[in-house]
C-alpha atoms as a PDB file:
ATOM      1  CA  UNK A   1     125.213  98.923 118.622  1.00  0.00           C
ATOM      2  CA  UNK A   2     127.622 101.271 116.950  1.00  0.00           C
ATOM      3  CA  UNK A   3     127.184 102.634 113.456  1.00  0.00           C
ATOM      4  CA  UNK A   4     128.335 105.537 111.358  1.00  0.00           C
ATOM      5  CA  UNK A   5     124.896 106.980 112.069  1.00  0.00           C
ATOM      6  CA  UNK A   6     125.535 107.505 115.782  1.00  0.00           C
ATOM      7  CA  UNK A   7     123.205 110.006 117.437  1.00  0.00           C
ATOM      8  CA  UNK A   8     124.460 113.189 119.019  1.00  0.00           C
ATOM      9  CA  UNK A   9     125.460 113.275 122.698  1.00  0.00           C
ATOM     10  CA  UNK A  10     122.619 112.237 125.013  1.00  0.00           C
ATOM     11  CA  UNK A  11     120.382 111.477 122.049  1.00  0.00           C
ATOM     12  CA  UNK A  12     119.008 108.266 120.732  1.00  0.00           C
ATOM     13  CA  UNK A  13     117.935 107.020 117.336  1.00  0.00           C
ATOM     14  CA  UNK A  14     115.525 104.420 116.034  1.00  0.00           C
ATOM     15  CA  UNK A  15     115.826 102.573 112.711  1.00  0.00           C
ATOM     16  CA  UNK A  16     113.652  99.985 110.940  1.00  0.00           C
ATOM     17  CA  UNK A  17     115.355  96.609 110.663  1.00  0.00           C
ATOM     18  CA  UNK A  18     116.088  95.085 107.254  1.00  0.00           C
ATOM     19  CA  UNK A  19     116.855  91.674 108.799  1.00  0.00           C
ATOM     20  CA  UNK A  20     115.003  89.721 111.435  1.00  0.00           C
ATOM     21  CA  UNK A  21     116.891  89.812 114.726  1.00  0.00           C
ATOM     22  CA  UNK A  22     117.050  87.392 117.616  1.00  0.00           C
ATOM     23  CA  UNK A  23     118.906  87.596 120.908  1.00  0.00           C
ATOM     24  CA  UNK A  24     120.168  84.134 119.984  1.00  0.00           C
ATOM     25  CA  UNK A  25     121.911  85.473 116.862  1.00  0.00           C
ATOM     26  CA  UNK A  26     125.671  85.853 116.785  1.00  0.00           C
ATOM     27  CA  UNK A  27     126.739  89.031 118.585  1.00  0.00           C
ATOM     28  CA  UNK A  28     129.172  89.676 115.749  1.00  0.00           C
ATOM     29  CA  UNK A  29     126.471  89.622 113.079  1.00  0.00           C
ATOM     30  CA  UNK A  30     124.523  92.813 113.722  1.00  0.00           C
ATOM     31  CA  UNK A  31     121.242  93.155 111.849  1.00  0.00           C
ATOM     32  CA  UNK A  32     121.066  95.541 108.910  1.00  0.00           C
ATOM     33  CA  UNK A  33     118.837  98.599 109.256  1.00  0.00           C
ATOM     34  CA  UNK A  34     117.552 101.354 106.978  1.00  0.00           C
ATOM     35  CA  UNK A  35     119.559 104.494 107.770  1.00  0.00           C
ATOM     36  CA  UNK A  36     117.388 106.616 105.456  1.00  0.00           C
ATOM     37  CA  UNK A  37     114.372 106.222 107.783  1.00  0.00           C
ATOM     38  CA  UNK A  38     116.268 107.205 110.932  1.00  0.00           C
ATOM     39  CA  UNK A  39     114.217 108.823 113.704  1.00  0.00           C
ATOM     40  CA  UNK A  40     116.121 110.788 116.362  1.00  0.00           C
ATOM     41  CA  UNK A  41     114.644 111.216 119.826  1.00  0.00           C
ATOM     42  CA  UNK A  42     115.701 112.371 123.276  1.00  0.00           C
ATOM     43  CA  UNK A  43     115.074 110.790 126.644  1.00  0.00           C
ATOM     44  CA  UNK A  44     112.746 112.793 128.847  1.00  0.00           C
ATOM     45  CA  UNK A  45     113.629 111.623 132.373  1.00  0.00           C
ATOM     46  CA  UNK A  46     110.712 113.498 133.964  1.00  0.00           C
ATOM     47  CA  UNK A  47     108.307 111.207 132.075  1.00  0.00           C
ATOM     48  CA  UNK A  48     107.796 107.531 132.847  1.00  0.00           C
ATOM     49  CA  UNK A  49     107.779 106.568 129.181  1.00  0.00           C
ATOM     50  CA  UNK A  50     109.369 107.330 125.825  1.00  0.00           C
ATOM     51  CA  UNK A  51     107.266 108.518 122.918  1.00  0.00           C
ATOM     52  CA  UNK A  52     108.801 108.245 119.437  1.00  0.00           C
ATOM     53  CA  UNK A  53     107.060 109.364 116.240  1.00  0.00           C
ATOM     54  CA  UNK A  54     107.579 106.561 113.687  1.00  0.00           C
ATOM     55  CA  UNK A  55     105.106 107.903 111.111  1.00  0.00           C
ATOM     56  CA  UNK A  56     107.609 107.769 108.240  1.00  0.00           C
ATOM     57  CA  UNK A  57     108.537 104.171 109.053  1.00  0.00           C
ATOM     58  CA  UNK A  58     104.922 103.053 109.468  1.00  0.00           C
ATOM     59  CA  UNK A  59     104.060 104.734 106.144  1.00  0.00           C
ATOM     60  CA  UNK A  60     106.866 102.787 104.418  1.00  0.00           C
ATOM     61  CA  UNK A  61     105.463  99.554 105.892  1.00  0.00           C
ATOM     62  CA  UNK A  62     101.899 100.451 104.907  1.00  0.00           C
ATOM     63  CA  UNK A  63     102.874 101.390 101.354  1.00  0.00           C
ATOM     64  CA  UNK A  64     104.806  98.131 100.896  1.00  0.00           C
ATOM     65  CA  UNK A  65     108.148  99.922 100.481  1.00  0.00           C
ATOM     66  CA  UNK A  66     109.606  98.107 103.484  1.00  0.00           C
ATOM     67  CA  UNK A  67     108.715  94.878 105.297  1.00  0.00           C
ATOM     68  CA  UNK A  68     108.083  95.249 109.019  1.00  0.00           C
ATOM     69  CA  UNK A  69     110.941  93.307 110.582  1.00  0.00           C
ATOM     70  CA  UNK A  70     111.023  95.353 113.759  1.00  0.00           C
ATOM     71  CA  UNK A  71     112.896  98.362 115.055  1.00  0.00           C
ATOM     72  CA  UNK A  72     116.312  98.889 116.604  1.00  0.00           C
ATOM     73  CA  UNK A  73     117.108 101.580 119.171  1.00  0.00           C
ATOM     74  CA  UNK A  74     120.616 103.036 119.393  1.00  0.00           C
ATOM     75  CA  UNK A  75     122.272 105.593 121.610  1.00  0.00           C
ATOM     76  CA  UNK A  76     125.286 107.853 121.584  1.00  0.00           C
ATOM     77  CA  UNK A  77     128.358 106.121 123.079  1.00  0.00           C
ATOM     78  CA  UNK A  78     128.451 108.620 125.945  1.00  0.00           C
ATOM     79  CA  UNK A  79     124.664 108.825 126.372  1.00  0.00           C
ATOM     80  CA  UNK A  80     122.860 107.707 129.491  1.00  0.00           C
ATOM     81  CA  UNK A  81     121.825 104.050 129.417  1.00  0.00           C
ATOM     82  CA  UNK A  82     118.089 103.519 128.951  1.00  0.00           C
ATOM     83  CA  UNK A  83     116.262 100.360 129.958  1.00  0.00           C
ATOM     84  CA  UNK A  84     112.920  99.267 128.542  1.00  0.00           C
ATOM     85  CA  UNK A  85     110.661  96.386 129.579  1.00  0.00           C
ATOM     86  CA  UNK A  86     109.776  93.634 127.111  1.00  0.00           C
ATOM     87  CA  UNK A  87     106.329  92.400 126.129  1.00  0.00           C
ATOM     88  CA  UNK A  88     106.939  89.504 128.555  1.00  0.00           C
ATOM     89  CA  UNK A  89     107.536  91.762 131.574  1.00  0.00           C
ATOM     90  CA  UNK A  90     105.485  90.761 134.634  1.00  0.00           C
ATOM     91  CA  UNK A  91     104.078  94.260 135.215  1.00  0.00           C
ATOM     92  CA  UNK A  92     101.659  94.799 132.320  1.00  0.00           C
ATOM     93  CA  UNK A  93     101.780  98.596 132.608  1.00  0.00           C
ATOM     94  CA  UNK A  94     105.512  98.586 131.813  1.00  0.00           C
ATOM     95  CA  UNK A  95     105.226  96.572 128.587  1.00  0.00           C
ATOM     96  CA  UNK A  96     105.820  98.426 125.315  1.00  0.00           C
ATOM     97  CA  UNK A  97     102.759  99.794 123.525  1.00  0.00           C
ATOM     98  CA  UNK A  98     102.142 101.382 120.201  1.00  0.00           C
ATOM     99  CA  UNK A  99      99.607 104.175 119.889  1.00  0.00           C
ATOM    100  CA  UNK A 100      98.257 104.844 116.423  1.00  0.00           C
ATOM    101  CA  UNK A 101      96.741 108.122 115.340  1.00  0.00           C
ATOM    102  CA  UNK A 102      94.981 108.031 111.985  1.00  0.00           C
ATOM    103  CA  UNK A 103      94.534 111.075 109.766  1.00  0.00           C
ATOM    104  CA  UNK A 104      92.916 111.281 106.359  1.00  0.00           C
ATOM    105  CA  UNK A 105      91.489 107.747 106.367  1.00  0.00           C
ATOM    106  CA  UNK A 106      89.665 107.002 103.109  1.00  0.00           C
ATOM    107  CA  UNK A 107      87.881 103.867 104.339  1.00  0.00           C
ATOM    108  CA  UNK A 108      86.441 102.864 107.722  1.00  0.00           C
ATOM    109  CA  UNK A 109      88.903 101.238 110.110  1.00  0.00           C
ATOM    110  CA  UNK A 110      86.537  98.267 110.358  1.00  0.00           C
ATOM    111  CA  UNK A 111      87.607  97.432 106.793  1.00  0.00           C
ATOM    112  CA  UNK A 112      91.342  97.705 107.499  1.00  0.00           C
ATOM    113  CA  UNK A 113      93.129  94.338 107.854  1.00  0.00           C
ATOM    114  CA  UNK A 114      94.378  94.274 111.438  1.00  0.00           C
ATOM    115  CA  UNK A 115      94.238  92.498 114.784  1.00  0.00           C
ATOM    116  CA  UNK A 116      93.226  94.489 117.846  1.00  0.00           C
ATOM    117  CA  UNK A 117      93.722  93.459 121.457  1.00  0.00           C
ATOM    118  CA  UNK A 118      91.927  95.434 124.164  1.00  0.00           C
ATOM    119  CA  UNK A 119      93.148  95.061 127.747  1.00  0.00           C
END
């Protein structure tokens, strides 16, 4: 996906989506994303995973400033291609995960509206 917000060489960027996206959508109708909440990150080939801090995006979702419609990852045109597994991938350890770290919680997490799955 190309945009005017292309990352620097060998860097990648993540944006929150403003539209729902499906692989069955028209390839010529790219989803809109919020450029103001851009998160730049670099691939670390010596690690077997990518860790991206999306605190600002999650805060916008939590505060109701933005609806969670997913995230889009982009890369510089000359950057190395990265491949990630989907949540349907046969090897469970390769499926994407989100790790949440809470700071300054004013009420117990047991009172927070959420669904938790423990594997």
